[in-house]
Amino acid sequence: LFLVLAFFTAAALWMLLRAEFLAIALVLVYVG
């Protein structure tokens, strides 16, 4: 569960870097 939290926060950092595709792919593939 902590790893899920780490993936979500990493996806949020990708969103801040304006890499929306990588953030959504991280959430869908790894978390989902």
PDB file of all heavy atoms in Angstrom:
ATOM      1  N   LEU A   1       0.825  -1.212   0.000  1.00  0.00           N
ATOM      2  CA  LEU A   1       0.000   0.000   0.000  1.00  0.00           C
ATOM      3  C   LEU A   1       0.861   1.265   0.000  1.00  0.00           C
ATOM      4  O   LEU A   1       0.516   2.263  -0.646  1.00  0.00           O
ATOM      5  CB  LEU A   1      -0.953  -0.012   1.194  1.00  0.00           C
ATOM      6  CG  LEU A   1      -2.065  -1.057   1.121  1.00  0.00           C
ATOM      7  CD1 LEU A   1      -2.864  -1.087   2.410  1.00  0.00           C
ATOM      8  CD2 LEU A   1      -2.968  -0.799  -0.061  1.00  0.00           C
ATOM      9  N   PHE A   2       1.972   1.238   0.716  1.00  0.00           N
ATOM     10  CA  PHE A   2       2.900   2.376   0.653  1.00  0.00           C
ATOM     11  C   PHE A   2       3.486   2.522  -0.749  1.00  0.00           C
ATOM     12  O   PHE A   2       3.742   3.640  -1.211  1.00  0.00           O
ATOM     13  CB  PHE A   2       4.022   2.218   1.683  1.00  0.00           C
ATOM     14  CG  PHE A   2       3.633   2.639   3.070  1.00  0.00           C
ATOM     15  CD1 PHE A   2       3.684   1.746   4.118  1.00  0.00           C
ATOM     16  CD2 PHE A   2       3.209   3.933   3.325  1.00  0.00           C
ATOM     17  CE1 PHE A   2       3.320   2.128   5.399  1.00  0.00           C
ATOM     18  CE2 PHE A   2       2.842   4.328   4.601  1.00  0.00           C
ATOM     19  CZ  PHE A   2       2.897   3.420   5.649  1.00  0.00           C
ATOM     20  N   LEU A   3       3.693   1.407  -1.442  1.00  0.00           N
ATOM     21  CA  LEU A   3       4.184   1.473  -2.816  1.00  0.00           C
ATOM     22  C   LEU A   3       3.137   2.100  -3.737  1.00  0.00           C
ATOM     23  O   LEU A   3       3.480   2.867  -4.645  1.00  0.00           O
ATOM     24  CB  LEU A   3       4.569   0.077  -3.306  1.00  0.00           C
ATOM     25  CG  LEU A   3       5.357  -0.007  -4.601  1.00  0.00           C
ATOM     26  CD1 LEU A   3       6.634   0.804  -4.532  1.00  0.00           C
ATOM     27  CD2 LEU A   3       5.687  -1.446  -4.926  1.00  0.00           C
ATOM     28  N   VAL A   4       1.856   1.821  -3.492  1.00  0.00           N
ATOM     29  CA  VAL A   4       0.791   2.484  -4.254  1.00  0.00           C
ATOM     30  C   VAL A   4       0.835   3.993  -4.019  1.00  0.00           C
ATOM     31  O   VAL A   4       0.719   4.791  -4.960  1.00  0.00           O
ATOM     32  CB  VAL A   4      -0.584   1.898  -3.859  1.00  0.00           C
ATOM     33  CG1 VAL A   4      -1.710   2.741  -4.424  1.00  0.00           C
ATOM     34  CG2 VAL A   4      -0.711   0.466  -4.328  1.00  0.00           C
ATOM     35  N   LEU A   5       1.022   4.399  -2.756  1.00  0.00           N
ATOM     36  CA  LEU A   5       1.138   5.828  -2.448  1.00  0.00           C
ATOM     37  C   LEU A   5       2.346   6.444  -3.144  1.00  0.00           C
ATOM     38  O   LEU A   5       2.270   7.567  -3.671  1.00  0.00           O
ATOM     39  CB  LEU A   5       1.229   6.027  -0.934  1.00  0.00           C
ATOM     40  CG  LEU A   5       1.428   7.463  -0.450  1.00  0.00           C
ATOM     41  CD1 LEU A   5       0.241   8.333  -0.846  1.00  0.00           C
ATOM     42  CD2 LEU A   5       1.660   7.487   1.049  1.00  0.00           C
ATOM     43  N   ALA A   6       3.456   5.720  -3.182  1.00  0.00           N
ATOM     44  CA  ALA A   6       4.645   6.223  -3.868  1.00  0.00           C
ATOM     45  C   ALA A   6       4.386   6.396  -5.365  1.00  0.00           C
ATOM     46  O   ALA A   6       4.817   7.392  -5.968  1.00  0.00           O
ATOM     47  CB  ALA A   6       5.829   5.281  -3.631  1.00  0.00           C
ATOM     48  N   PHE A   7       3.667   5.454  -5.972  1.00  0.00           N
ATOM     49  CA  PHE A   7       3.351   5.587  -7.403  1.00  0.00           C
ATOM     50  C   PHE A   7       2.443   6.790  -7.657  1.00  0.00           C
ATOM     51  O   PHE A   7       2.619   7.515  -8.640  1.00  0.00           O
ATOM     52  CB  PHE A   7       2.694   4.305  -7.921  1.00  0.00           C
ATOM     53  CG  PHE A   7       3.651   3.178  -8.129  1.00  0.00           C
ATOM     54  CD1 PHE A   7       3.240   1.870  -7.946  1.00  0.00           C
ATOM     55  CD2 PHE A   7       4.961   3.405  -8.512  1.00  0.00           C
ATOM     56  CE1 PHE A   7       4.119   0.811  -8.143  1.00  0.00           C
ATOM     57  CE2 PHE A   7       5.839   2.365  -8.706  1.00  0.00           C
ATOM     58  CZ  PHE A   7       5.421   1.067  -8.520  1.00  0.00           C
ATOM     59  N   PHE A   8       1.458   7.004  -6.791  1.00  0.00           N
ATOM     60  CA  PHE A   8       0.563   8.154  -6.978  1.00  0.00           C
ATOM     61  C   PHE A   8       1.314   9.473  -6.858  1.00  0.00           C
ATOM     62  O   PHE A   8       1.097  10.401  -7.646  1.00  0.00           O
ATOM     63  CB  PHE A   8      -0.590   8.111  -5.973  1.00  0.00           C
ATOM     64  CG  PHE A   8      -1.786   7.367  -6.458  1.00  0.00           C
ATOM     65  CD1 PHE A   8      -2.218   6.229  -5.807  1.00  0.00           C
ATOM     66  CD2 PHE A   8      -2.495   7.799  -7.560  1.00  0.00           C
ATOM     67  CE1 PHE A   8      -3.326   5.532  -6.245  1.00  0.00           C
ATOM     68  CE2 PHE A   8      -3.606   7.112  -8.014  1.00  0.00           C
ATOM     69  CZ  PHE A   8      -4.022   5.979  -7.345  1.00  0.00           C
ATOM     70  N   THR A   9       2.197   9.573  -5.879  1.00  0.00           N
ATOM     71  CA  THR A   9       2.945  10.829  -5.731  1.00  0.00           C
ATOM     72  C   THR A   9       3.941  11.019  -6.863  1.00  0.00           C
ATOM     73  O   THR A   9       4.177  12.156  -7.294  1.00  0.00           O
ATOM     74  CB  THR A   9       3.657  10.866  -4.372  1.00  0.00           C
ATOM     75  OG1 THR A   9       4.419   9.665  -4.197  1.00  0.00           O
ATOM     76  CG2 THR A   9       2.672  11.002  -3.238  1.00  0.00           C
ATOM     77  N   ALA A  10       4.519   9.925  -7.362  1.00  0.00           N
ATOM     78  CA  ALA A  10       5.395  10.052  -8.534  1.00  0.00           C
ATOM     79  C   ALA A  10       4.603  10.512  -9.754  1.00  0.00           C
ATOM     80  O   ALA A  10       5.087  11.327 -10.556  1.00  0.00           O
ATOM     81  CB  ALA A  10       6.088   8.722  -8.818  1.00  0.00           C
ATOM     82  N   ALA A  11       3.367  10.018  -9.897  1.00  0.00           N
ATOM     83  CA  ALA A  11       2.516  10.477 -10.988  1.00  0.00           C
ATOM     84  C   ALA A  11       2.186  11.964 -10.829  1.00  0.00           C
ATOM     85  O   ALA A  11       2.121  12.711 -11.821  1.00  0.00           O
ATOM     86  CB  ALA A  11       1.235   9.657 -11.035  1.00  0.00           C
ATOM     87  N   ALA A  12       1.992  12.420  -9.598  1.00  0.00           N
ATOM     88  CA  ALA A  12       1.743  13.845  -9.378  1.00  0.00           C
ATOM     89  C   ALA A  12       2.972  14.670  -9.771  1.00  0.00           C
ATOM     90  O   ALA A  12       2.833  15.769 -10.333  1.00  0.00           O
ATOM     91  CB  ALA A  12       1.378  14.093  -7.915  1.00  0.00           C
ATOM     92  N   LEU A  13       4.155  14.162  -9.498  1.00  0.00           N
ATOM     93  CA  LEU A  13       5.372  14.877  -9.919  1.00  0.00           C
ATOM     94  C   LEU A  13       5.483  14.914 -11.437  1.00  0.00           C
ATOM     95  O   LEU A  13       5.929  15.919 -12.008  1.00  0.00           O
ATOM     96  CB  LEU A  13       6.603  14.212  -9.297  1.00  0.00           C
ATOM     97  CG  LEU A  13       6.750  14.385  -7.785  1.00  0.00           C
ATOM     98  CD1 LEU A  13       7.959  13.615  -7.281  1.00  0.00           C
ATOM     99  CD2 LEU A  13       6.861  15.850  -7.429  1.00  0.00           C
ATOM    100  N   TRP A  14       5.104  13.832 -12.113  1.00  0.00           N
ATOM    101  CA  TRP A  14       5.095  13.852 -13.578  1.00  0.00           C
ATOM    102  C   TRP A  14       4.110  14.900 -14.092  1.00  0.00           C
ATOM    103  O   TRP A  14       4.372  15.577 -15.100  1.00  0.00           O
ATOM    104  CB  TRP A  14       4.714  12.479 -14.134  1.00  0.00           C
ATOM    105  CG  TRP A  14       5.829  11.485 -14.162  1.00  0.00           C
ATOM    106  CD1 TRP A  14       5.915  10.338 -13.427  1.00  0.00           C
ATOM    107  CD2 TRP A  14       6.996  11.528 -14.962  1.00  0.00           C
ATOM    108  NE1 TRP A  14       7.078   9.676 -13.718  1.00  0.00           N
ATOM    109  CE2 TRP A  14       7.762  10.390 -14.662  1.00  0.00           C
ATOM    110  CE3 TRP A  14       7.493  12.421 -15.902  1.00  0.00           C
ATOM    111  CZ2 TRP A  14       8.968  10.116 -15.260  1.00  0.00           C
ATOM    112  CZ3 TRP A  14       8.702  12.158 -16.499  1.00  0.00           C
ATOM    113  CH2 TRP A  14       9.423  11.015 -16.183  1.00  0.00           C
ATOM    114  N   MET A  15       2.969  15.036 -13.421  1.00  0.00           N
ATOM    115  CA  MET A  15       2.004  16.059 -13.838  1.00  0.00           C
ATOM    116  C   MET A  15       2.585  17.461 -13.676  1.00  0.00           C
ATOM    117  O   MET A  15       2.357  18.333 -14.515  1.00  0.00           O
ATOM    118  CB  MET A  15       0.718  15.934 -13.020  1.00  0.00           C
ATOM    119  CG  MET A  15      -0.093  14.696 -13.305  1.00  0.00           C
ATOM    120  SD  MET A  15      -0.877  14.702 -14.900  1.00  0.00           S
ATOM    121  CE  MET A  15      -2.205  15.830 -14.603  1.00  0.00           C
ATOM    122  N   LEU A  16       3.338  17.684 -12.595  1.00  0.00           N
ATOM    123  CA  LEU A  16       3.964  18.991 -12.410  1.00  0.00           C
ATOM    124  C   LEU A  16       5.004  19.277 -13.487  1.00  0.00           C
ATOM    125  O   LEU A  16       5.239  20.431 -13.836  1.00  0.00           O
ATOM    126  CB  LEU A  16       4.626  19.068 -11.030  1.00  0.00           C
ATOM    127  CG  LEU A  16       3.680  19.258  -9.844  1.00  0.00           C
ATOM    128  CD1 LEU A  16       4.444  19.175  -8.547  1.00  0.00           C
ATOM    129  CD2 LEU A  16       2.957  20.580  -9.960  1.00  0.00           C
ATOM    130  N   LEU A  17       5.620  18.222 -14.006  1.00  0.00           N
ATOM    131  CA  LEU A  17       6.612  18.394 -15.073  1.00  0.00           C
ATOM    132  C   LEU A  17       5.969  18.449 -16.457  1.00  0.00           C
ATOM    133  O   LEU A  17       6.665  18.386 -17.461  1.00  0.00           O
ATOM    134  CB  LEU A  17       7.627  17.244 -15.022  1.00  0.00           C
ATOM    135  CG  LEU A  17       8.541  17.233 -13.805  1.00  0.00           C
ATOM    136  CD1 LEU A  17       9.356  15.955 -13.763  1.00  0.00           C
ATOM    137  CD2 LEU A  17       9.452  18.436 -13.826  1.00  0.00           C
ATOM    138  N   ARG A  18       4.641  18.520 -16.488  1.00  0.00           N
ATOM    139  CA  ARG A  18       3.856  18.601 -17.724  1.00  0.00           C
ATOM    140  C   ARG A  18       4.024  17.360 -18.600  1.00  0.00           C
ATOM    141  O   ARG A  18       4.045  17.452 -19.825  1.00  0.00           O
ATOM    142  CB  ARG A  18       4.201  19.869 -18.512  1.00  0.00           C
ATOM    143  CG  ARG A  18       3.827  21.142 -17.810  1.00  0.00           C
ATOM    144  CD  ARG A  18       4.265  22.365 -18.575  1.00  0.00           C
ATOM    145  NE  ARG A  18       3.932  23.582 -17.850  1.00  0.00           N
ATOM    146  CZ  ARG A  18       4.723  24.133 -16.945  1.00  0.00           C
ATOM    147  NH1 ARG A  18       5.866  23.573 -16.625  1.00  0.00           N
ATOM    148  NH2 ARG A  18       4.356  25.240 -16.333  1.00  0.00           N
ATOM    149  N   ALA A  19       4.185  16.217 -17.961  1.00  0.00           N
ATOM    150  CA  ALA A  19       4.264  14.937 -18.673  1.00  0.00           C
ATOM    151  C   ALA A  19       3.019  14.128 -18.313  1.00  0.00           C
ATOM    152  O   ALA A  19       3.079  13.143 -17.574  1.00  0.00           O
ATOM    153  CB  ALA A  19       5.538  14.194 -18.300  1.00  0.00           C
ATOM    154  N   GLU A  20       1.888  14.569 -18.833  1.00  0.00           N
ATOM    155  CA  GLU A  20       0.608  13.976 -18.437  1.00  0.00           C
ATOM    156  C   GLU A  20       0.479  12.534 -18.885  1.00  0.00           C
ATOM    157  O   GLU A  20      -0.076  11.693 -18.168  1.00  0.00           O
ATOM    158  CB  GLU A  20      -0.555  14.798 -19.021  1.00  0.00           C
ATOM    159  CG  GLU A  20      -0.637  16.219 -18.515  1.00  0.00           C
ATOM    160  CD  GLU A  20       0.194  17.187 -19.320  1.00  0.00           C
ATOM    161  OE1 GLU A  20       0.748  16.766 -20.359  1.00  0.00           O
ATOM    162  OE2 GLU A  20       0.315  18.349 -18.908  1.00  0.00           O
ATOM    163  N   PHE A  21       0.997  12.220 -20.070  1.00  0.00           N
ATOM    164  CA  PHE A  21       0.886  10.853 -20.578  1.00  0.00           C
ATOM    165  C   PHE A  21       1.634   9.876 -19.676  1.00  0.00           C
ATOM    166  O   PHE A  21       1.121   8.795 -19.348  1.00  0.00           O
ATOM    167  CB  PHE A  21       1.430  10.781 -22.005  1.00  0.00           C
ATOM    168  CG  PHE A  21       1.438   9.397 -22.568  1.00  0.00           C
ATOM    169  CD1 PHE A  21       0.263   8.805 -22.998  1.00  0.00           C
ATOM    170  CD2 PHE A  21       2.614   8.673 -22.664  1.00  0.00           C
ATOM    171  CE1 PHE A  21       0.264   7.517 -23.499  1.00  0.00           C
ATOM    172  CE2 PHE A  21       2.626   7.389 -23.164  1.00  0.00           C
ATOM    173  CZ  PHE A  21       1.442   6.810 -23.584  1.00  0.00           C
ATOM    174  N   LEU A  22       2.851  10.240 -19.265  1.00  0.00           N
ATOM    175  CA  LEU A  22       3.617   9.356 -18.389  1.00  0.00           C
ATOM    176  C   LEU A  22       2.949   9.210 -17.026  1.00  0.00           C
ATOM    177  O   LEU A  22       2.968   8.127 -16.424  1.00  0.00           O
ATOM    178  CB  LEU A  22       5.039   9.886 -18.233  1.00  0.00           C
ATOM    179  CG  LEU A  22       5.884   9.886 -19.506  1.00  0.00           C
ATOM    180  CD1 LEU A  22       7.232  10.513 -19.243  1.00  0.00           C
ATOM    181  CD2 LEU A  22       6.050   8.481 -20.040  1.00  0.00           C
ATOM    182  N   ALA A  23       2.344  10.284 -16.520  1.00  0.00           N
ATOM    183  CA  ALA A  23       1.660  10.203 -15.228  1.00  0.00           C
ATOM    184  C   ALA A  23       0.463   9.261 -15.302  1.00  0.00           C
ATOM    185  O   ALA A  23       0.268   8.405 -14.429  1.00  0.00           O
ATOM    186  CB  ALA A  23       1.215  11.600 -14.795  1.00  0.00           C
ATOM    187  N   ILE A  24      -0.327   9.394 -16.361  1.00  0.00           N
ATOM    188  CA  ILE A  24      -1.498   8.518 -16.504  1.00  0.00           C
ATOM    189  C   ILE A  24      -1.066   7.073 -16.743  1.00  0.00           C
ATOM    190  O   ILE A  24      -1.663   6.135 -16.216  1.00  0.00           O
ATOM    191  CB  ILE A  24      -2.397   9.049 -17.639  1.00  0.00           C
ATOM    192  CG1 ILE A  24      -3.017  10.378 -17.223  1.00  0.00           C
ATOM    193  CG2 ILE A  24      -3.490   8.054 -17.981  1.00  0.00           C
ATOM    194  CD1 ILE A  24      -3.746  11.094 -18.312  1.00  0.00           C
ATOM    195  N   ALA A  25      -0.001   6.882 -17.520  1.00  0.00           N
ATOM    196  CA  ALA A  25       0.495   5.519 -17.751  1.00  0.00           C
ATOM    197  C   ALA A  25       1.002   4.901 -16.455  1.00  0.00           C
ATOM    198  O   ALA A  25       0.784   3.705 -16.198  1.00  0.00           O
ATOM    199  CB  ALA A  25       1.604   5.539 -18.800  1.00  0.00           C
ATOM    200  N   LEU A  26       1.661   5.696 -15.607  1.00  0.00           N
ATOM    201  CA  LEU A  26       2.146   5.189 -14.325  1.00  0.00           C
ATOM    202  C   LEU A  26       0.984   4.753 -13.444  1.00  0.00           C
ATOM    203  O   LEU A  26       1.025   3.676 -12.833  1.00  0.00           O
ATOM    204  CB  LEU A  26       2.977   6.271 -13.625  1.00  0.00           C
ATOM    205  CG  LEU A  26       3.605   5.901 -12.287  1.00  0.00           C
ATOM    206  CD1 LEU A  26       4.673   4.841 -12.485  1.00  0.00           C
ATOM    207  CD2 LEU A  26       4.192   7.116 -11.614  1.00  0.00           C
ATOM    208  N   VAL A  27      -0.074   5.552 -13.403  1.00  0.00           N
ATOM    209  CA  VAL A  27      -1.222   5.200 -12.569  1.00  0.00           C
ATOM    210  C   VAL A  27      -1.947   3.976 -13.125  1.00  0.00           C
ATOM    211  O   VAL A  27      -2.279   3.038 -12.397  1.00  0.00           O
ATOM    212  CB  VAL A  27      -2.181   6.400 -12.444  1.00  0.00           C
ATOM    213  CG1 VAL A  27      -3.485   5.987 -11.792  1.00  0.00           C
ATOM    214  CG2 VAL A  27      -1.524   7.502 -11.639  1.00  0.00           C
ATOM    215  N   LEU A  28      -2.181   3.959 -14.447  1.00  0.00           N
ATOM    216  CA  LEU A  28      -2.941   2.855 -15.029  1.00  0.00           C
ATOM    217  C   LEU A  28      -2.183   1.541 -14.981  1.00  0.00           C
ATOM    218  O   LEU A  28      -2.736   0.494 -14.623  1.00  0.00           O
ATOM    219  CB  LEU A  28      -3.317   3.190 -16.472  1.00  0.00           C
ATOM    220  CG  LEU A  28      -4.375   4.264 -16.659  1.00  0.00           C
ATOM    221  CD1 LEU A  28      -4.632   4.499 -18.136  1.00  0.00           C
ATOM    222  CD2 LEU A  28      -5.659   3.882 -15.959  1.00  0.00           C
ATOM    223  N   VAL A  29      -0.904   1.578 -15.362  1.00  0.00           N
ATOM    224  CA  VAL A  29      -0.150   0.327 -15.474  1.00  0.00           C
ATOM    225  C   VAL A  29       0.282  -0.176 -14.105  1.00  0.00           C
ATOM    226  O   VAL A  29       0.022  -1.324 -13.736  1.00  0.00           O
ATOM    227  CB  VAL A  29       1.071   0.515 -16.402  1.00  0.00           C
ATOM    228  CG1 VAL A  29       1.954  -0.716 -16.384  1.00  0.00           C
ATOM    229  CG2 VAL A  29       0.612   0.830 -17.808  1.00  0.00           C
ATOM    230  N   TYR A  30       0.928   0.673 -13.322  1.00  0.00           N
ATOM    231  CA  TYR A  30       1.495   0.191 -12.066  1.00  0.00           C
ATOM    232  C   TYR A  30       0.456   0.115 -10.955  1.00  0.00           C
ATOM    233  O   TYR A  30       0.342  -0.903 -10.273  1.00  0.00           O
ATOM    234  CB  TYR A  30       2.679   1.060 -11.643  1.00  0.00           C
ATOM    235  CG  TYR A  30       3.899   0.784 -12.463  1.00  0.00           C
ATOM    236  CD1 TYR A  30       4.253   1.598 -13.529  1.00  0.00           C
ATOM    237  CD2 TYR A  30       4.683  -0.324 -12.201  1.00  0.00           C
ATOM    238  CE1 TYR A  30       5.367   1.329 -14.292  1.00  0.00           C
ATOM    239  CE2 TYR A  30       5.795  -0.607 -12.960  1.00  0.00           C
ATOM    240  CZ  TYR A  30       6.126   0.227 -14.009  1.00  0.00           C
ATOM    241  OH  TYR A  30       7.223  -0.050 -14.761  1.00  0.00           O
ATOM    242  N   VAL A  31      -0.299   1.188 -10.756  1.00  0.00           N
ATOM    243  CA  VAL A  31      -1.284   1.166  -9.675  1.00  0.00           C
ATOM    244  C   VAL A  31      -2.477   0.298 -10.055  1.00  0.00           C
ATOM    245  O   VAL A  31      -2.966  -0.495  -9.258  1.00  0.00           O
ATOM    246  CB  VAL A  31      -1.728   2.599  -9.326  1.00  0.00           C
ATOM    247  CG1 VAL A  31      -2.806   2.583  -8.263  1.00  0.00           C
ATOM    248  CG2 VAL A  31      -0.539   3.414  -8.851  1.00  0.00           C
ATOM    249  N   GLY A  32      -2.927   0.418 -11.295  1.00  0.00           N
ATOM    250  CA  GLY A  32      -4.120  -0.301 -11.691  1.00  0.00           C
ATOM    251  C   GLY A  32      -3.923  -1.770 -11.938  1.00  0.00           C
ATOM    252  O   GLY A  32      -4.835  -2.561 -11.722  1.00  0.00           O
TER     253      GLY A  32
END
